[in-house]
Amino acid sequence: MNGSKPATPTEWIDPDDAPELTDEFFERADEYLGDQLVRRGRPVAISPKLSVTVRYDADVIAAFKATGKGWQTRMNDALREWLASHPA
């Protein structure tokens, strides 16, 4: 035993006395860090993305996909760059 740590309790607690933890229990449970409630899920974006359906030429999509993971973000950046250089 380490002198800086308290001794382990010697009282044995029967694990069968504990309530069953069901899926419903975990769905309703709140998680806290200290006194602060931990929010679940993706945080709310400052500028949320919009889901749209757009048709592009196959060669354009193939060229962006060939650049690897994150090709949609790079396509968004390319469109944003074009908008910056072509004022409305």
PDB file of N, CA and C in Angstrom:
ATOM      1  N   MET A   1       0.850  -1.182   0.000  1.00  0.00           N
ATOM      2  CA  MET A   1       0.000   0.000   0.000  1.00  0.00           C
ATOM      3  C   MET A   1       0.889   1.236   0.000  1.00  0.00           C
ATOM      4  N   ASN A   2       0.481   2.238  -0.748  1.00  0.00           N
ATOM      5  CA  ASN A   2       1.194   3.495  -0.839  1.00  0.00           C
ATOM      6  C   ASN A   2       0.718   4.408   0.294  1.00  0.00           C
ATOM      7  N   GLY A   3       1.645   5.079   0.954  1.00  0.00           N
ATOM      8  CA  GLY A   3       1.296   5.935   2.080  1.00  0.00           C
ATOM      9  C   GLY A   3       0.465   7.147   1.693  1.00  0.00           C
ATOM     10  N   SER A   4       0.511   7.569   0.428  1.00  0.00           N
ATOM     11  CA  SER A   4      -0.229   8.764   0.022  1.00  0.00           C
ATOM     12  C   SER A   4      -1.654   8.450  -0.422  1.00  0.00           C
ATOM     13  N   LYS A   5      -1.997   7.160  -0.536  1.00  0.00           N
ATOM     14  CA  LYS A   5      -3.343   6.783  -0.971  1.00  0.00           C
ATOM     15  C   LYS A   5      -4.096   6.146   0.181  1.00  0.00           C
ATOM     16  N   PRO A   6      -5.397   6.417   0.263  1.00  0.00           N
ATOM     17  CA  PRO A   6      -6.177   5.804   1.334  1.00  0.00           C
ATOM     18  C   PRO A   6      -6.285   4.294   1.115  1.00  0.00           C
ATOM     19  N   ALA A   7      -6.497   3.571   2.182  1.00  0.00           N
ATOM     20  CA  ALA A   7      -6.647   2.126   2.109  1.00  0.00           C
ATOM     21  C   ALA A   7      -7.936   1.778   1.372  1.00  0.00           C
ATOM     22  N   THR A   8      -7.910   0.671   0.679  1.00  0.00           N
ATOM     23  CA  THR A   8      -9.096   0.188  -0.023  1.00  0.00           C
ATOM     24  C   THR A   8     -10.127  -0.250   1.012  1.00  0.00           C
ATOM     25  N   PRO A   9     -11.390   0.119   0.804  1.00  0.00           N
ATOM     26  CA  PRO A   9     -12.412  -0.294   1.769  1.00  0.00           C
ATOM     27  C   PRO A   9     -12.473  -1.819   1.850  1.00  0.00           C
ATOM     28  N   THR A  10     -12.670  -2.335   3.031  1.00  0.00           N
ATOM     29  CA  THR A  10     -12.699  -3.773   3.226  1.00  0.00           C
ATOM     30  C   THR A  10     -14.112  -4.330   3.165  1.00  0.00           C
ATOM     31  N   GLU A  11     -15.130  -3.477   3.215  1.00  0.00           N
ATOM     32  CA  GLU A  11     -16.502  -3.951   3.135  1.00  0.00           C
ATOM     33  C   GLU A  11     -16.779  -4.443   1.733  1.00  0.00           C
ATOM     34  N   TRP A  12     -17.310  -5.622   1.646  1.00  0.00           N
ATOM     35  CA  TRP A  12     -17.648  -6.189   0.346  1.00  0.00           C
ATOM     36  C   TRP A  12     -19.079  -5.830   0.010  1.00  0.00           C
ATOM     37  N   ILE A  13     -19.287  -5.344  -1.218  1.00  0.00           N
ATOM     38  CA  ILE A  13     -20.638  -4.994  -1.668  1.00  0.00           C
ATOM     39  C   ILE A  13     -21.037  -6.021  -2.717  1.00  0.00           C
ATOM     40  N   ASP A  14     -22.173  -6.632  -2.517  1.00  0.00           N
ATOM     41  CA  ASP A  14     -22.658  -7.660  -3.434  1.00  0.00           C
ATOM     42  C   ASP A  14     -23.086  -7.007  -4.744  1.00  0.00           C
ATOM     43  N   PRO A  15     -22.455  -7.355  -5.879  1.00  0.00           N
ATOM     44  CA  PRO A  15     -22.837  -6.728  -7.156  1.00  0.00           C
ATOM     45  C   PRO A  15     -24.256  -7.073  -7.580  1.00  0.00           C
ATOM     46  N   ASP A  16     -24.822  -8.144  -7.045  1.00  0.00           N
ATOM     47  CA  ASP A  16     -26.199  -8.492  -7.387  1.00  0.00           C
ATOM     48  C   ASP A  16     -27.208  -7.519  -6.789  1.00  0.00           C
ATOM     49  N   ASP A  17     -26.783  -6.710  -5.827  1.00  0.00           N
ATOM     50  CA  ASP A  17     -27.675  -5.718  -5.220  1.00  0.00           C
ATOM     51  C   ASP A  17     -27.829  -4.479  -6.098  1.00  0.00           C
ATOM     52  N   ALA A  18     -26.963  -4.310  -7.073  1.00  0.00           N
ATOM     53  CA  ALA A  18     -27.020  -3.130  -7.937  1.00  0.00           C
ATOM     54  C   ALA A  18     -28.176  -3.262  -8.927  1.00  0.00           C
ATOM     55  N   PRO A  19     -28.837  -2.149  -9.260  1.00  0.00           N
ATOM     56  CA  PRO A  19     -29.924  -2.235 -10.238  1.00  0.00           C
ATOM     57  C   PRO A  19     -29.367  -2.548 -11.626  1.00  0.00           C
ATOM     58  N   GLU A  20     -30.193  -3.169 -12.438  1.00  0.00           N
ATOM     59  CA  GLU A  20     -29.783  -3.505 -13.794  1.00  0.00           C
ATOM     60  C   GLU A  20     -29.731  -2.224 -14.622  1.00  0.00           C
ATOM     61  N   LEU A  21     -28.661  -2.056 -15.371  1.00  0.00           N
ATOM     62  CA  LEU A  21     -28.519  -0.874 -16.219  1.00  0.00           C
ATOM     63  C   LEU A  21     -28.998  -1.226 -17.621  1.00  0.00           C
ATOM     64  N   THR A  22     -30.152  -0.681 -17.966  1.00  0.00           N
ATOM     65  CA  THR A  22     -30.773  -0.970 -19.252  1.00  0.00           C
ATOM     66  C   THR A  22     -30.425   0.116 -20.256  1.00  0.00           C
ATOM     67  N   ASP A  23     -30.752  -0.123 -21.531  1.00  0.00           N
ATOM     68  CA  ASP A  23     -30.551   0.892 -22.572  1.00  0.00           C
ATOM     69  C   ASP A  23     -31.343   2.148 -22.252  1.00  0.00           C
ATOM     70  N   GLU A  24     -32.538   1.979 -21.700  1.00  0.00           N
ATOM     71  CA  GLU A  24     -33.373   3.128 -21.342  1.00  0.00           C
ATOM     72  C   GLU A  24     -32.674   4.000 -20.290  1.00  0.00           C
ATOM     73  N   PHE A  25     -32.003   3.370 -19.350  1.00  0.00           N
ATOM     74  CA  PHE A  25     -31.277   4.113 -18.321  1.00  0.00           C
ATOM     75  C   PHE A  25     -30.222   5.011 -18.957  1.00  0.00           C
ATOM     76  N   PHE A  26     -29.442   4.456 -19.888  1.00  0.00           N
ATOM     77  CA  PHE A  26     -28.365   5.220 -20.501  1.00  0.00           C
ATOM     78  C   PHE A  26     -28.889   6.302 -21.450  1.00  0.00           C
ATOM     79  N   GLU A  27     -30.041   6.081 -22.074  1.00  0.00           N
ATOM     80  CA  GLU A  27     -30.627   7.099 -22.945  1.00  0.00           C
ATOM     81  C   GLU A  27     -31.076   8.329 -22.147  1.00  0.00           C
ATOM     82  N   ARG A  28     -31.531   8.097 -20.931  1.00  0.00           N
ATOM     83  CA  ARG A  28     -32.021   9.205 -20.102  1.00  0.00           C
ATOM     84  C   ARG A  28     -30.938   9.833 -19.241  1.00  0.00           C
ATOM     85  N   ALA A  29     -29.805   9.170 -19.105  1.00  0.00           N
ATOM     86  CA  ALA A  29     -28.769   9.625 -18.176  1.00  0.00           C
ATOM     87  C   ALA A  29     -28.108  10.914 -18.658  1.00  0.00           C
ATOM     88  N   ASP A  30     -27.808  11.793 -17.729  1.00  0.00           N
ATOM     89  CA  ASP A  30     -27.051  13.013 -18.006  1.00  0.00           C
ATOM     90  C   ASP A  30     -25.626  12.793 -17.525  1.00  0.00           C
ATOM     91  N   GLU A  31     -24.681  13.339 -18.270  1.00  0.00           N
ATOM     92  CA  GLU A  31     -23.285  13.214 -17.880  1.00  0.00           C
ATOM     93  C   GLU A  31     -22.785  14.584 -17.450  1.00  0.00           C
ATOM     94  N   TYR A  32     -22.081  14.613 -16.335  1.00  0.00           N
ATOM     95  CA  TYR A  32     -21.558  15.859 -15.789  1.00  0.00           C
ATOM     96  C   TYR A  32     -20.054  15.768 -15.633  1.00  0.00           C
ATOM     97  N   LEU A  33     -19.368  16.875 -15.885  1.00  0.00           N
ATOM     98  CA  LEU A  33     -17.966  17.058 -15.530  1.00  0.00           C
ATOM     99  C   LEU A  33     -17.959  18.133 -14.460  1.00  0.00           C
ATOM    100  N   GLY A  34     -17.800  17.708 -13.216  1.00  0.00           N
ATOM    101  CA  GLY A  34     -17.941  18.653 -12.116  1.00  0.00           C
ATOM    102  C   GLY A  34     -19.406  19.050 -12.023  1.00  0.00           C
ATOM    103  N   ASP A  35     -19.681  20.341 -12.069  1.00  0.00           N
ATOM    104  CA  ASP A  35     -21.059  20.831 -12.021  1.00  0.00           C
ATOM    105  C   ASP A  35     -21.629  21.126 -13.404  1.00  0.00           C
ATOM    106  N   GLN A  36     -20.829  20.928 -14.462  1.00  0.00           N
ATOM    107  CA  GLN A  36     -21.257  21.307 -15.803  1.00  0.00           C
ATOM    108  C   GLN A  36     -21.791  20.105 -16.571  1.00  0.00           C
ATOM    109  N   LEU A  37     -22.991  20.260 -17.148  1.00  0.00           N
ATOM    110  CA  LEU A  37     -23.609  19.228 -17.960  1.00  0.00           C
ATOM    111  C   LEU A  37     -22.858  19.105 -19.280  1.00  0.00           C
ATOM    112  N   VAL A  38     -22.505  17.888 -19.654  1.00  0.00           N
ATOM    113  CA  VAL A  38     -21.809  17.645 -20.919  1.00  0.00           C
ATOM    114  C   VAL A  38     -22.862  17.497 -22.003  1.00  0.00           C
ATOM    115  N   ARG A  39     -22.775  18.313 -23.021  1.00  0.00           N
ATOM    116  CA  ARG A  39     -23.720  18.260 -24.131  1.00  0.00           C
ATOM    117  C   ARG A  39     -23.349  17.115 -25.058  1.00  0.00           C
ATOM    118  N   ARG A  40     -24.334  16.429 -25.562  1.00  0.00           N
ATOM    119  CA  ARG A  40     -24.097  15.303 -26.443  1.00  0.00           C
ATOM    120  C   ARG A  40     -24.257  15.722 -27.889  1.00  0.00           C
ATOM    121  N   GLY A  41     -23.625  14.967 -28.768  1.00  0.00           N
ATOM    122  CA  GLY A  41     -23.772  15.187 -30.196  1.00  0.00           C
ATOM    123  C   GLY A  41     -22.829  16.253 -30.713  1.00  0.00           C
ATOM    124  N   ARG A  42     -22.967  16.536 -31.956  1.00  0.00           N
ATOM    125  CA  ARG A  42     -22.120  17.514 -32.619  1.00  0.00           C
ATOM    126  C   ARG A  42     -22.491  18.916 -32.150  1.00  0.00           C
ATOM    127  N   PRO A  43     -21.502  19.758 -31.860  1.00  0.00           N
ATOM    128  CA  PRO A  43     -21.825  21.120 -31.440  1.00  0.00           C
ATOM    129  C   PRO A  43     -22.487  21.904 -32.575  1.00  0.00           C
ATOM    130  N   VAL A  44     -23.284  22.876 -32.212  1.00  0.00           N
ATOM    131  CA  VAL A  44     -23.975  23.704 -33.193  1.00  0.00           C
ATOM    132  C   VAL A  44     -22.938  24.551 -33.928  1.00  0.00           C
ATOM    133  N   ALA A  45     -22.973  24.485 -35.257  1.00  0.00           N
ATOM    134  CA  ALA A  45     -22.019  25.223 -36.080  1.00  0.00           C
ATOM    135  C   ALA A  45     -22.396  26.702 -36.133  1.00  0.00           C
ATOM    136  N   ILE A  46     -21.390  27.551 -36.187  1.00  0.00           N
ATOM    137  CA  ILE A  46     -21.619  28.985 -36.316  1.00  0.00           C
ATOM    138  C   ILE A  46     -22.247  29.271 -37.676  1.00  0.00           C
ATOM    139  N   SER A  47     -21.734  28.603 -38.691  1.00  0.00           N
ATOM    140  CA  SER A  47     -22.254  28.743 -40.044  1.00  0.00           C
ATOM    141  C   SER A  47     -22.607  27.353 -40.570  1.00  0.00           C
ATOM    142  N   PRO A  48     -23.835  26.873 -40.321  1.00  0.00           N
ATOM    143  CA  PRO A  48     -24.176  25.502 -40.705  1.00  0.00           C
ATOM    144  C   PRO A  48     -24.180  25.301 -42.216  1.00  0.00           C
ATOM    145  N   LYS A  49     -23.833  24.093 -42.627  1.00  0.00           N
ATOM    146  CA  LYS A  49     -23.830  23.732 -44.040  1.00  0.00           C
ATOM    147  C   LYS A  49     -25.261  23.441 -44.471  1.00  0.00           C
ATOM    148  N   LEU A  50     -25.526  23.629 -45.753  1.00  0.00           N
ATOM    149  CA  LEU A  50     -26.828  23.310 -46.326  1.00  0.00           C
ATOM    150  C   LEU A  50     -26.681  22.086 -47.212  1.00  0.00           C
ATOM    151  N   SER A  51     -27.632  21.199 -47.120  1.00  0.00           N
ATOM    152  CA  SER A  51     -27.634  20.019 -47.979  1.00  0.00           C
ATOM    153  C   SER A  51     -28.386  20.360 -49.255  1.00  0.00           C
ATOM    154  N   VAL A  52     -27.722  20.187 -50.401  1.00  0.00           N
ATOM    155  CA  VAL A  52     -28.343  20.471 -51.696  1.00  0.00           C
ATOM    156  C   VAL A  52     -28.023  19.335 -52.659  1.00  0.00           C
ATOM    157  N   THR A  53     -28.802  19.248 -53.719  1.00  0.00           N
ATOM    158  CA  THR A  53     -28.518  18.295 -54.788  1.00  0.00           C
ATOM    159  C   THR A  53     -28.033  19.090 -55.986  1.00  0.00           C
ATOM    160  N   VAL A  54     -26.836  18.758 -56.458  1.00  0.00           N
ATOM    161  CA  VAL A  54     -26.214  19.472 -57.574  1.00  0.00           C
ATOM    162  C   VAL A  54     -25.663  18.444 -58.544  1.00  0.00           C
ATOM    163  N   ARG A  55     -25.679  18.757 -59.821  1.00  0.00           N
ATOM    164  CA  ARG A  55     -25.106  17.862 -60.826  1.00  0.00           C
ATOM    165  C   ARG A  55     -23.838  18.503 -61.386  1.00  0.00           C
ATOM    166  N   TYR A  56     -22.735  17.750 -61.351  1.00  0.00           N
ATOM    167  CA  TYR A  56     -21.460  18.181 -61.917  1.00  0.00           C
ATOM    168  C   TYR A  56     -21.039  17.177 -62.974  1.00  0.00           C
ATOM    169  N   ASP A  57     -20.186  17.616 -63.886  1.00  0.00           N
ATOM    170  CA  ASP A  57     -19.631  16.698 -64.881  1.00  0.00           C
ATOM    171  C   ASP A  57     -18.811  15.634 -64.172  1.00  0.00           C
ATOM    172  N   ALA A  58     -18.821  14.425 -64.734  1.00  0.00           N
ATOM    173  CA  ALA A  58     -18.133  13.285 -64.123  1.00  0.00           C
ATOM    174  C   ALA A  58     -16.638  13.546 -63.975  1.00  0.00           C
ATOM    175  N   ASP A  59     -16.030  14.226 -64.962  1.00  0.00           N
ATOM    176  CA  ASP A  59     -14.586  14.469 -64.887  1.00  0.00           C
ATOM    177  C   ASP A  59     -14.233  15.446 -63.761  1.00  0.00           C
ATOM    178  N   VAL A  60     -15.135  16.381 -63.462  1.00  0.00           N
ATOM    179  CA  VAL A  60     -14.896  17.334 -62.364  1.00  0.00           C
ATOM    180  C   VAL A  60     -14.919  16.584 -61.029  1.00  0.00           C
ATOM    181  N   ILE A  61     -15.922  15.738 -60.842  1.00  0.00           N
ATOM    182  CA  ILE A  61     -16.021  14.960 -59.607  1.00  0.00           C
ATOM    183  C   ILE A  61     -14.831  14.010 -59.489  1.00  0.00           C
ATOM    184  N   ALA A  62     -14.462  13.356 -60.580  1.00  0.00           N
ATOM    185  CA  ALA A  62     -13.334  12.417 -60.561  1.00  0.00           C
ATOM    186  C   ALA A  62     -12.043  13.134 -60.171  1.00  0.00           C
ATOM    187  N   ALA A  63     -11.845  14.344 -60.673  1.00  0.00           N
ATOM    188  CA  ALA A  63     -10.629  15.097 -60.364  1.00  0.00           C
ATOM    189  C   ALA A  63     -10.571  15.445 -58.876  1.00  0.00           C
ATOM    190  N   PHE A  64     -11.691  15.858 -58.299  1.00  0.00           N
ATOM    191  CA  PHE A  64     -11.697  16.182 -56.874  1.00  0.00           C
ATOM    192  C   PHE A  64     -11.553  14.917 -56.022  1.00  0.00           C
ATOM    193  N   LYS A  65     -12.230  13.827 -56.405  1.00  0.00           N
ATOM    194  CA  LYS A  65     -12.124  12.580 -55.649  1.00  0.00           C
ATOM    195  C   LYS A  65     -10.704  12.023 -55.702  1.00  0.00           C
ATOM    196  N   ALA A  66     -10.004  12.263 -56.785  1.00  0.00           N
ATOM    197  CA  ALA A  66      -8.635  11.763 -56.941  1.00  0.00           C
ATOM    198  C   ALA A  66      -7.681  12.415 -55.940  1.00  0.00           C
ATOM    199  N   THR A  67      -8.077  13.546 -55.378  1.00  0.00           N
ATOM    200  CA  THR A  67      -7.216  14.222 -54.400  1.00  0.00           C
ATOM    201  C   THR A  67      -7.316  13.586 -53.018  1.00  0.00           C
ATOM    202  N   GLY A  68      -8.225  12.609 -52.848  1.00  0.00           N
ATOM    203  CA  GLY A  68      -8.309  11.863 -51.591  1.00  0.00           C
ATOM    204  C   GLY A  68      -9.392  12.366 -50.661  1.00  0.00           C
ATOM    205  N   LYS A  69      -9.298  11.865 -49.431  1.00  0.00           N
ATOM    206  CA  LYS A  69     -10.284  12.192 -48.409  1.00  0.00           C
ATOM    207  C   LYS A  69     -10.353  13.708 -48.205  1.00  0.00           C
ATOM    208  N   GLY A  70     -11.566  14.220 -48.062  1.00  0.00           N
ATOM    209  CA  GLY A  70     -11.763  15.657 -47.879  1.00  0.00           C
ATOM    210  C   GLY A  70     -12.012  16.383 -49.185  1.00  0.00           C
ATOM    211  N   TRP A  71     -12.295  15.622 -50.252  1.00  0.00           N
ATOM    212  CA  TRP A  71     -12.469  16.255 -51.559  1.00  0.00           C
ATOM    213  C   TRP A  71     -13.660  17.214 -51.585  1.00  0.00           C
ATOM    214  N   GLN A  72     -14.702  16.933 -50.826  1.00  0.00           N
ATOM    215  CA  GLN A  72     -15.869  17.827 -50.821  1.00  0.00           C
ATOM    216  C   GLN A  72     -15.521  19.169 -50.174  1.00  0.00           C
ATOM    217  N   THR A  73     -14.705  19.127 -49.137  1.00  0.00           N
ATOM    218  CA  THR A  73     -14.261  20.372 -48.498  1.00  0.00           C
ATOM    219  C   THR A  73     -13.403  21.178 -49.465  1.00  0.00           C
ATOM    220  N   ARG A  74     -12.517  20.491 -50.190  1.00  0.00           N
ATOM    221  CA  ARG A  74     -11.682  21.199 -51.173  1.00  0.00           C
ATOM    222  C   ARG A  74     -12.533  21.777 -52.306  1.00  0.00           C
ATOM    223  N   MET A  75     -13.583  21.065 -52.689  1.00  0.00           N
ATOM    224  CA  MET A  75     -14.486  21.580 -53.726  1.00  0.00           C
ATOM    225  C   MET A  75     -15.197  22.834 -53.207  1.00  0.00           C
ATOM    226  N   ASN A  76     -15.619  22.813 -51.959  1.00  0.00           N
ATOM    227  CA  ASN A  76     -16.249  23.981 -51.349  1.00  0.00           C
ATOM    228  C   ASN A  76     -15.277  25.159 -51.326  1.00  0.00           C
ATOM    229  N   ASP A  77     -14.019  24.878 -50.970  1.00  0.00           N
ATOM    230  CA  ASP A  77     -12.998  25.933 -50.928  1.00  0.00           C
ATOM    231  C   ASP A  77     -12.749  26.517 -52.315  1.00  0.00           C
ATOM    232  N   ALA A  78     -12.753  25.657 -53.341  1.00  0.00           N
ATOM    233  CA  ALA A  78     -12.547  26.131 -54.719  1.00  0.00           C
ATOM    234  C   ALA A  78     -13.695  27.041 -55.154  1.00  0.00           C
ATOM    235  N   LEU A  79     -14.911  26.672 -54.795  1.00  0.00           N
ATOM    236  CA  LEU A  79     -16.070  27.515 -55.136  1.00  0.00           C
ATOM    237  C   LEU A  79     -16.011  28.844 -54.377  1.00  0.00           C
ATOM    238  N   ARG A  80     -15.599  28.794 -53.140  1.00  0.00           N
ATOM    239  CA  ARG A  80     -15.475  30.017 -52.340  1.00  0.00           C
ATOM    240  C   ARG A  80     -14.405  30.946 -52.937  1.00  0.00           C
ATOM    241  N   GLU A  81     -13.284  30.356 -53.366  1.00  0.00           N
ATOM    242  CA  GLU A  81     -12.206  31.131 -53.995  1.00  0.00           C
ATOM    243  C   GLU A  81     -12.698  31.789 -55.288  1.00  0.00           C
ATOM    244  N   TRP A  82     -13.483  31.051 -56.076  1.00  0.00           N
ATOM    245  CA  TRP A  82     -14.030  31.604 -57.311  1.00  0.00           C
ATOM    246  C   TRP A  82     -14.946  32.772 -57.000  1.00  0.00           C
ATOM    247  N   LEU A  83     -15.790  32.620 -55.968  1.00  0.00           N
ATOM    248  CA  LEU A  83     -16.700  33.703 -55.591  1.00  0.00           C
ATOM    249  C   LEU A  83     -15.953  34.952 -55.158  1.00  0.00           C
ATOM    250  N   ALA A  84     -14.818  34.784 -54.476  1.00  0.00           N
ATOM    251  CA  ALA A  84     -14.016  35.928 -54.027  1.00  0.00           C
ATOM    252  C   ALA A  84     -13.431  36.701 -55.192  1.00  0.00           C
ATOM    253  N   SER A  85     -13.102  35.984 -56.269  1.00  0.00           N
ATOM    254  CA  SER A  85     -12.496  36.652 -57.422  1.00  0.00           C
ATOM    255  C   SER A  85     -13.504  37.110 -58.464  1.00  0.00           C
ATOM    256  N   HIS A  86     -14.774  36.747 -58.287  1.00  0.00           N
ATOM    257  CA  HIS A  86     -15.830  37.140 -59.214  1.00  0.00           C
ATOM    258  C   HIS A  86     -16.989  37.759 -58.424  1.00  0.00           C
ATOM    259  N   PRO A  87     -16.876  39.053 -58.120  1.00  0.00           N
ATOM    260  CA  PRO A  87     -17.951  39.689 -57.331  1.00  0.00           C
ATOM    261  C   PRO A  87     -19.302  39.621 -58.059  1.00  0.00           C
ATOM    262  N   ALA A  88     -20.342  39.553 -57.284  1.00  0.00           N
ATOM    263  CA  ALA A  88     -21.699  39.419 -57.837  1.00  0.00           C
ATOM    264  C   ALA A  88     -22.095  40.655 -58.629  1.00  0.00           C
TER     265      ALA A  88
END
